[in-house]
Amino acid sequence: MKRLQEIVTQIENGETDIDSLAARLKEARQLVDFCREKLTKVETEVKTLLEAPKP
């Protein structure tokens, strides 16, 4: 998350030149995808635990 925020800040502040913008956007997209996958996995695990029969 920290790296993603750094990328967003750099883009918003104009600290990224046009040549590296595509690379930054690609990296940001990969980070978003990674986070989304992790959240989905955790959500599934939590649902499984909550639906499990209680002893």
Protein backbone atom coordinates (compact mmCIF):
# COMPACT_ATOMS: atom_id res chain seq x y z
CA MET A 1 0.00 0.00 0.00
CA LYS A 2 2.81 2.37 0.85
CA ARG A 3 4.41 1.94 -2.57
CA LEU A 4 1.08 2.49 -4.29
CA GLN A 5 0.58 5.72 -2.36
CA GLU A 6 4.10 6.84 -3.31
CA ILE A 7 3.32 6.29 -6.99
CA VAL A 8 0.04 8.21 -6.76
CA THR A 9 1.75 11.09 -4.96
CA GLN A 10 4.53 11.24 -7.55
CA ILE A 11 2.02 11.34 -10.39
CA GLU A 12 -0.20 13.93 -8.69
CA ASN A 13 2.78 16.16 -7.91
CA GLY A 14 4.14 15.92 -11.44
CA GLU A 15 7.31 14.21 -10.21
CA THR A 16 7.07 11.54 -12.90
CA ASP A 17 8.24 12.36 -16.38
CA ILE A 18 6.30 11.14 -19.35
CA ASP A 19 8.84 8.43 -20.12
CA SER A 20 8.44 6.74 -16.75
CA LEU A 21 4.71 7.39 -16.37
CA ALA A 22 3.72 4.20 -18.20
CA ALA A 23 6.04 2.13 -16.03
CA ARG A 24 4.64 3.73 -12.84
CA LEU A 25 1.08 3.11 -13.97
CA LYS A 26 1.90 -0.51 -14.80
CA GLU A 27 3.48 -1.00 -11.38
CA ALA A 28 0.48 0.63 -9.69
CA ARG A 29 -1.89 -1.66 -11.57
CA GLN A 30 0.09 -4.72 -10.48
CA LEU A 31 -0.01 -3.55 -6.87
CA VAL A 32 -3.77 -2.98 -7.03
CA ASP A 33 -4.28 -6.45 -8.51
CA PHE A 34 -2.09 -7.98 -5.79
CA CYS A 35 -4.03 -6.21 -3.03
CA ARG A 36 -7.36 -7.19 -4.56
CA GLU A 37 -6.33 -10.85 -4.69
CA LYS A 38 -5.19 -10.76 -1.05
CA LEU A 39 -8.43 -9.13 0.08
CA THR A 40 -10.53 -11.66 -1.82
CA LYS A 41 -8.59 -14.53 -0.26
CA VAL A 42 -8.98 -13.14 3.25
CA GLU A 43 -12.69 -12.48 2.68
CA THR A 44 -13.19 -16.09 1.59
CA GLU A 45 -11.30 -17.39 4.61
CA VAL A 46 -13.32 -15.22 7.00
CA LYS A 47 -16.62 -16.36 5.44
CA THR A 48 -15.52 -19.97 5.76
CA LEU A 49 -14.65 -19.50 9.42
CA LEU A 50 -17.92 -17.72 10.17
CA GLU A 51 -19.98 -20.38 8.42
CA ALA A 52 -18.19 -23.30 10.08
CA PRO A 53 -20.25 -25.22 12.65
CA LYS A 54 -19.44 -24.25 16.20
CA PRO A 55 -18.31 -27.05 18.51
